[in-house]
Each structure stands twice: as C-alpha cells, then as structure tokens.
C-alpha cells in the first residue's frame, strides 16, 4: 500500500502513511477544512446559531455543577 500523501511505501507503525510527517499533514488537512464530507443538507445560519447557543448554555450549566 502506498502513502496517500507522498505515494511512498506505507509503514505499519503509521499505516496507511509512510511516516509521522505524512500522518500529520493529513490530520492538518482535516483540521483546516481541506477535506470535507459532502452533504445535501442546506446550511441554515439561524439553526446553527441556535444550536451553538444551546450548547454554550449546557456547557455553562455543567461547569457550575462541578467543583473546581
């Protein structure tokens, strides 16, 4: 199997990559949005804002219940 980043032979330790460097490059691409899973769902900014607000409220409530 070849490394999906540089096409070198993969190494069992980093499979499917050939090295930690290529594995980190791939992770970076996922984290910065270079890779994306397509969706047919339309983006609704109001729905996203509501979900973020609810998540924030839940997080704040949880932090009040836990001792520091």
PDB file of N, CA and C in Angstrom:
ATOM      1  N   UNK A   1       0.848  -1.173   0.000  1.00  0.00           N
ATOM      2  CA  UNK A   1       0.000   0.000   0.000  1.00  0.00           C
ATOM      3  C   UNK A   1       0.895   1.237   0.000  1.00  0.00           C
ATOM      4  N   UNK A   2       0.516   2.219  -0.798  1.00  0.00           N
ATOM      5  CA  UNK A   2       1.324   3.432  -0.842  1.00  0.00           C
ATOM      6  C   UNK A   2       0.688   4.531   0.005  1.00  0.00           C
ATOM      7  N   UNK A   3       1.524   5.419   0.492  1.00  0.00           N
ATOM      8  CA  UNK A   3       1.096   6.546   1.320  1.00  0.00           C
ATOM      9  C   UNK A   3       0.201   7.465   0.486  1.00  0.00           C
ATOM     10  N   UNK A   4      -0.963   7.843   1.016  1.00  0.00           N
ATOM     11  CA  UNK A   4      -1.854   8.704   0.256  1.00  0.00           C
ATOM     12  C   UNK A   4      -1.342  10.144   0.099  1.00  0.00           C
ATOM     13  N   UNK A   5      -0.335  10.513   0.867  1.00  0.00           N
ATOM     14  CA  UNK A   5       0.211  11.868   0.789  1.00  0.00           C
ATOM     15  C   UNK A   5       1.359  11.950  -0.218  1.00  0.00           C
ATOM     16  N   UNK A   6       2.366  11.088  -0.060  1.00  0.00           N
ATOM     17  CA  UNK A   6       3.558  11.198  -0.913  1.00  0.00           C
ATOM     18  C   UNK A   6       3.770   9.997  -1.833  1.00  0.00           C
ATOM     19  N   UNK A   7       2.931   8.990  -1.716  1.00  0.00           N
ATOM     20  CA  UNK A   7       2.981   7.776  -2.548  1.00  0.00           C
ATOM     21  C   UNK A   7       4.149   6.845  -2.240  1.00  0.00           C
ATOM     22  N   UNK A   8       4.907   7.092  -1.172  1.00  0.00           N
ATOM     23  CA  UNK A   8       5.960   6.166  -0.757  1.00  0.00           C
ATOM     24  C   UNK A   8       5.307   4.922  -0.143  1.00  0.00           C
ATOM     25  N   UNK A   9       6.075   3.880   0.047  1.00  0.00           N
ATOM     26  CA  UNK A   9       5.554   2.652   0.656  1.00  0.00           C
ATOM     27  C   UNK A   9       5.146   2.940   2.099  1.00  0.00           C
ATOM     28  N   UNK A  10       3.948   2.509   2.504  1.00  0.00           N
ATOM     29  CA  UNK A  10       3.491   2.754   3.867  1.00  0.00           C
ATOM     30  C   UNK A  10       4.271   1.904   4.866  1.00  0.00           C
ATOM     31  N   UNK A  11       4.274   2.364   6.107  1.00  0.00           N
ATOM     32  CA  UNK A  11       4.968   1.693   7.205  1.00  0.00           C
ATOM     33  C   UNK A  11       3.903   1.271   8.214  1.00  0.00           C
ATOM     34  N   UNK A  12       4.003   0.060   8.739  1.00  0.00           N
ATOM     35  CA  UNK A  12       2.980  -0.460   9.648  1.00  0.00           C
ATOM     36  C   UNK A  12       2.694   0.480  10.818  1.00  0.00           C
ATOM     37  N   UNK A  13       3.720   1.107  11.359  1.00  0.00           N
ATOM     38  CA  UNK A  13       3.548   1.995  12.512  1.00  0.00           C
ATOM     39  C   UNK A  13       2.617   3.165  12.197  1.00  0.00           C
ATOM     40  N   UNK A  14       2.687   3.679  10.983  1.00  0.00           N
ATOM     41  CA  UNK A  14       1.911   4.863  10.597  1.00  0.00           C
ATOM     42  C   UNK A  14       0.859   4.565   9.529  1.00  0.00           C
ATOM     43  N   UNK A  15       0.571   3.315   9.308  1.00  0.00           N
ATOM     44  CA  UNK A  15      -0.332   2.896   8.250  1.00  0.00           C
ATOM     45  C   UNK A  15      -1.627   3.683   8.247  1.00  0.00           C
ATOM     46  N   UNK A  16      -2.079   4.184   7.153  1.00  0.00           N
ATOM     47  CA  UNK A  16      -1.668   3.965   5.774  1.00  0.00           C
ATOM     48  C   UNK A  16      -0.568   4.906   5.295  1.00  0.00           C
ATOM     49  N   UNK A  17       0.040   5.643   6.202  1.00  0.00           N
ATOM     50  CA  UNK A  17       1.062   6.614   5.826  1.00  0.00           C
ATOM     51  C   UNK A  17       2.449   6.004   5.922  1.00  0.00           C
ATOM     52  N   UNK A  18       3.429   6.736   5.376  1.00  0.00           N
ATOM     53  CA  UNK A  18       4.808   6.244   5.408  1.00  0.00           C
ATOM     54  C   UNK A  18       5.571   6.787   6.609  1.00  0.00           C
ATOM     55  N   UNK A  19       5.068   7.858   7.220  1.00  0.00           N
ATOM     56  CA  UNK A  19       5.789   8.493   8.319  1.00  0.00           C
ATOM     57  C   UNK A  19       4.831   9.343   9.153  1.00  0.00           C
ATOM     58  N   UNK A  20       5.314   9.774  10.309  1.00  0.00           N
ATOM     59  CA  UNK A  20       4.537  10.667  11.157  1.00  0.00           C
ATOM     60  C   UNK A  20       4.294  11.984  10.434  1.00  0.00           C
ATOM     61  N   UNK A  21       5.267  12.432   9.657  1.00  0.00           N
ATOM     62  CA  UNK A  21       5.129  13.687   8.908  1.00  0.00           C
ATOM     63  C   UNK A  21       3.907  13.632   7.986  1.00  0.00           C
ATOM     64  N   UNK A  22       3.771  12.573   7.200  1.00  0.00           N
ATOM     65  CA  UNK A  22       2.632  12.451   6.288  1.00  0.00           C
ATOM     66  C   UNK A  22       1.322  12.293   7.058  1.00  0.00           C
ATOM     67  N   UNK A  23       1.347  11.585   8.175  1.00  0.00           N
ATOM     68  CA  UNK A  23       0.144  11.454   9.002  1.00  0.00           C
ATOM     69  C   UNK A  23      -0.272  12.817   9.536  1.00  0.00           C
ATOM     70  N   UNK A  24       0.697  13.630   9.950  1.00  0.00           N
ATOM     71  CA  UNK A  24       0.401  14.973  10.459  1.00  0.00           C
ATOM     72  C   UNK A  24      -0.111  15.893   9.349  1.00  0.00           C
ATOM     73  N   UNK A  25       0.428  15.765   8.160  1.00  0.00           N
ATOM     74  CA  UNK A  25      -0.064  16.549   7.024  1.00  0.00           C
ATOM     75  C   UNK A  25      -1.532  16.226   6.776  1.00  0.00           C
ATOM     76  N   UNK A  26      -1.870  14.947   6.787  1.00  0.00           N
ATOM     77  CA  UNK A  26      -3.252  14.526   6.569  1.00  0.00           C
ATOM     78  C   UNK A  26      -4.164  15.074   7.666  1.00  0.00           C
ATOM     79  N   UNK A  27      -3.739  14.975   8.920  1.00  0.00           N
ATOM     80  CA  UNK A  27      -4.526  15.498  10.034  1.00  0.00           C
ATOM     81  C   UNK A  27      -4.743  16.998   9.880  1.00  0.00           C
ATOM     82  N   UNK A  28      -3.691  17.707   9.501  1.00  0.00           N
ATOM     83  CA  UNK A  28      -3.809  19.144   9.285  1.00  0.00           C
ATOM     84  C   UNK A  28      -4.822  19.483   8.213  1.00  0.00           C
ATOM     85  N   UNK A  29      -4.864  18.694   7.164  1.00  0.00           N
ATOM     86  CA  UNK A  29      -5.838  18.931   6.091  1.00  0.00           C
ATOM     87  C   UNK A  29      -7.266  18.741   6.586  1.00  0.00           C
ATOM     88  N   UNK A  30      -7.469  17.746   7.447  1.00  0.00           N
ATOM     89  CA  UNK A  30      -8.806  17.554   8.012  1.00  0.00           C
ATOM     90  C   UNK A  30      -9.167  18.729   8.911  1.00  0.00           C
ATOM     91  N   UNK A  31      -8.206  19.162   9.718  1.00  0.00           N
ATOM     92  CA  UNK A  31      -8.498  20.210  10.694  1.00  0.00           C
ATOM     93  C   UNK A  31      -8.718  21.582  10.061  1.00  0.00           C
ATOM     94  N   UNK A  32      -8.061  21.875   8.937  1.00  0.00           N
ATOM     95  CA  UNK A  32      -8.264  23.193   8.331  1.00  0.00           C
ATOM     96  C   UNK A  32      -9.379  23.202   7.294  1.00  0.00           C
ATOM     97  N   UNK A  33     -10.036  22.068   7.111  1.00  0.00           N
ATOM     98  CA  UNK A  33     -11.186  22.014   6.215  1.00  0.00           C
ATOM     99  C   UNK A  33     -10.859  21.697   4.771  1.00  0.00           C
ATOM    100  N   UNK A  34      -9.625  21.316   4.487  1.00  0.00           N
ATOM    101  CA  UNK A  34      -9.281  20.947   3.114  1.00  0.00           C
ATOM    102  C   UNK A  34     -10.049  19.710   2.669  1.00  0.00           C
ATOM    103  N   UNK A  35     -10.282  18.813   3.600  1.00  0.00           N
ATOM    104  CA  UNK A  35     -11.111  17.650   3.321  1.00  0.00           C
ATOM    105  C   UNK A  35     -12.494  17.954   3.889  1.00  0.00           C
ATOM    106  N   UNK A  36     -13.509  17.542   3.209  1.00  0.00           N
ATOM    107  CA  UNK A  36     -14.857  17.751   3.708  1.00  0.00           C
ATOM    108  C   UNK A  36     -15.742  16.610   3.236  1.00  0.00           C
ATOM    109  N   UNK A  37     -16.671  16.250   4.061  1.00  0.00           N
ATOM    110  CA  UNK A  37     -17.645  15.227   3.705  1.00  0.00           C
ATOM    111  C   UNK A  37     -18.838  15.955   3.096  1.00  0.00           C
ATOM    112  N   UNK A  38     -19.194  15.635   1.872  1.00  0.00           N
ATOM    113  CA  UNK A  38     -20.294  16.360   1.226  1.00  0.00           C
ATOM    114  C   UNK A  38     -21.626  16.090   1.912  1.00  0.00           C
ATOM    115  N   UNK A  39     -22.469  17.093   1.883  1.00  0.00           N
ATOM    116  CA  UNK A  39     -23.795  16.980   2.476  1.00  0.00           C
ATOM    117  C   UNK A  39     -24.805  17.622   1.542  1.00  0.00           C
ATOM    118  N   UNK A  40     -25.985  17.046   1.489  1.00  0.00           N
ATOM    119  CA  UNK A  40     -27.043  17.627   0.678  1.00  0.00           C
ATOM    120  C   UNK A  40     -27.931  18.543   1.515  1.00  0.00           C
ATOM    121  N   UNK A  41     -27.661  18.610   2.799  1.00  0.00           N
ATOM    122  CA  UNK A  41     -28.439  19.457   3.684  1.00  0.00           C
ATOM    123  C   UNK A  41     -28.007  20.908   3.494  1.00  0.00           C
ATOM    124  N   UNK A  42     -28.977  21.797   3.400  1.00  0.00           N
ATOM    125  CA  UNK A  42     -28.662  23.198   3.227  1.00  0.00           C
ATOM    126  C   UNK A  42     -28.240  23.809   4.555  1.00  0.00           C
ATOM    127  N   UNK A  43     -27.346  24.752   4.478  1.00  0.00           N
ATOM    128  CA  UNK A  43     -26.817  25.449   5.645  1.00  0.00           C
ATOM    129  C   UNK A  43     -27.813  26.523   6.075  1.00  0.00           C
ATOM    130  N   UNK A  44     -28.252  26.468   7.314  1.00  0.00           N
ATOM    131  CA  UNK A  44     -29.176  27.462   7.845  1.00  0.00           C
ATOM    132  C   UNK A  44     -28.480  28.187   8.996  1.00  0.00           C
ATOM    133  N   UNK A  45     -28.027  29.420   8.782  1.00  0.00           N
ATOM    134  CA  UNK A  45     -27.281  30.150   9.819  1.00  0.00           C
ATOM    135  C   UNK A  45     -28.054  30.304  11.126  1.00  0.00           C
ATOM    136  N   UNK A  46     -29.354  30.486  11.061  1.00  0.00           N
ATOM    137  CA  UNK A  46     -30.148  30.642  12.276  1.00  0.00           C
ATOM    138  C   UNK A  46     -30.172  29.351  13.087  1.00  0.00           C
ATOM    139  N   UNK A  47     -30.268  28.222  12.405  1.00  0.00           N
ATOM    140  CA  UNK A  47     -30.273  26.928  13.085  1.00  0.00           C
ATOM    141  C   UNK A  47     -28.924  26.669  13.761  1.00  0.00           C
ATOM    142  N   UNK A  48     -27.855  27.005  13.069  1.00  0.00           N
ATOM    143  CA  UNK A  48     -26.517  26.827  13.629  1.00  0.00           C
ATOM    144  C   UNK A  48     -26.329  27.720  14.850  1.00  0.00           C
ATOM    145  N   UNK A  49     -26.752  28.970  14.766  1.00  0.00           N
ATOM    146  CA  UNK A  49     -26.623  29.895  15.889  1.00  0.00           C
ATOM    147  C   UNK A  49     -27.410  29.393  17.101  1.00  0.00           C
ATOM    148  N   UNK A  50     -28.606  28.873  16.858  1.00  0.00           N
ATOM    149  CA  UNK A  50     -29.425  28.332  17.948  1.00  0.00           C
ATOM    150  C   UNK A  50     -28.736  27.139  18.606  1.00  0.00           C
ATOM    151  N   UNK A  51     -28.193  26.231  17.790  1.00  0.00           N
ATOM    152  CA  UNK A  51     -27.512  25.051  18.329  1.00  0.00           C
ATOM    153  C   UNK A  51     -26.283  25.446  19.132  1.00  0.00           C
ATOM    154  N   UNK A  52     -25.531  26.423  18.638  1.00  0.00           N
ATOM    155  CA  UNK A  52     -24.346  26.883  19.375  1.00  0.00           C
ATOM    156  C   UNK A  52     -24.743  27.520  20.703  1.00  0.00           C
ATOM    157  N   UNK A  53     -25.820  28.294  20.700  1.00  0.00           N
ATOM    158  CA  UNK A  53     -26.300  28.909  21.936  1.00  0.00           C
ATOM    159  C   UNK A  53     -26.721  27.873  22.962  1.00  0.00           C
ATOM    160  N   UNK A  54     -27.435  26.856  22.502  1.00  0.00           N
ATOM    161  CA  UNK A  54     -27.871  25.785  23.408  1.00  0.00           C
ATOM    162  C   UNK A  54     -26.674  25.026  23.971  1.00  0.00           C
ATOM    163  N   UNK A  55     -25.690  24.739  23.126  1.00  0.00           N
ATOM    164  CA  UNK A  55     -24.500  24.024  23.587  1.00  0.00           C
ATOM    165  C   UNK A  55     -23.741  24.853  24.601  1.00  0.00           C
ATOM    166  N   UNK A  56     -23.660  26.154  24.372  1.00  0.00           N
ATOM    167  CA  UNK A  56     -22.962  27.038  25.300  1.00  0.00           C
ATOM    168  C   UNK A  56     -23.672  27.081  26.647  1.00  0.00           C
ATOM    169  N   UNK A  57     -25.000  27.158  26.626  1.00  0.00           N
ATOM    170  CA  UNK A  57     -25.774  27.164  27.869  1.00  0.00           C
ATOM    171  C   UNK A  57     -25.576  25.871  28.646  1.00  0.00           C
ATOM    172  N   UNK A  58     -25.584  24.735  27.942  1.00  0.00           N
ATOM    173  CA  UNK A  58     -25.377  23.446  28.597  1.00  0.00           C
ATOM    174  C   UNK A  58     -23.990  23.372  29.214  1.00  0.00           C
ATOM    175  N   UNK A  59     -22.990  23.862  28.497  1.00  0.00           N
ATOM    176  CA  UNK A  59     -21.617  23.841  28.986  1.00  0.00           C
ATOM    177  C   UNK A  59     -21.489  24.710  30.230  1.00  0.00           C
ATOM    178  N   UNK A  60     -22.115  25.881  30.225  1.00  0.00           N
ATOM    179  CA  UNK A  60     -22.058  26.773  31.386  1.00  0.00           C
ATOM    180  C   UNK A  60     -22.755  26.153  32.585  1.00  0.00           C
ATOM    181  N   UNK A  61     -23.888  25.499  32.378  1.00  0.00           N
ATOM    182  CA  UNK A  61     -24.615  24.852  33.469  1.00  0.00           C
ATOM    183  C   UNK A  61     -23.797  23.708  34.045  1.00  0.00           C
ATOM    184  N   UNK A  62     -23.143  22.940  33.192  1.00  0.00           N
ATOM    185  CA  UNK A  62     -22.316  21.830  33.662  1.00  0.00           C
ATOM    186  C   UNK A  62     -21.142  22.332  34.496  1.00  0.00           C
ATOM    187  N   UNK A  63     -20.535  23.436  34.102  1.00  0.00           N
ATOM    188  CA  UNK A  63     -19.364  23.930  34.825  1.00  0.00           C
ATOM    189  C   UNK A  63     -19.754  24.476  36.185  1.00  0.00           C
ATOM    190  N   UNK A  64     -20.995  24.940  36.347  1.00  0.00           N
ATOM    191  CA  UNK A  64     -21.448  25.432  37.655  1.00  0.00           C
ATOM    192  C   UNK A  64     -21.684  24.296  38.636  1.00  0.00           C
ATOM    193  N   UNK A  65     -22.053  23.114  38.113  1.00  0.00           N
ATOM    194  CA  UNK A  65     -22.347  21.977  38.969  1.00  0.00           C
ATOM    195  C   UNK A  65     -21.088  21.251  39.437  1.00  0.00           C
ATOM    196  N   UNK A  66     -19.980  21.438  38.745  1.00  0.00           N
ATOM    197  CA  UNK A  66     -18.749  20.697  39.057  1.00  0.00           C
ATOM    198  C   UNK A  66     -17.832  21.535  39.954  1.00  0.00           C
ATOM    199  N   UNK A  67     -17.260  20.926  40.987  1.00  0.00           N
ATOM    200  CA  UNK A  67     -16.291  21.665  41.803  1.00  0.00           C
ATOM    201  C   UNK A  67     -14.993  21.878  41.004  1.00  0.00           C
ATOM    202  N   UNK A  68     -14.315  22.928  41.293  1.00  0.00           N
ATOM    203  CA  UNK A  68     -13.083  23.247  40.570  1.00  0.00           C
ATOM    204  C   UNK A  68     -11.895  22.690  41.263  1.00  0.00           C
TER     205      UNK A  68
END
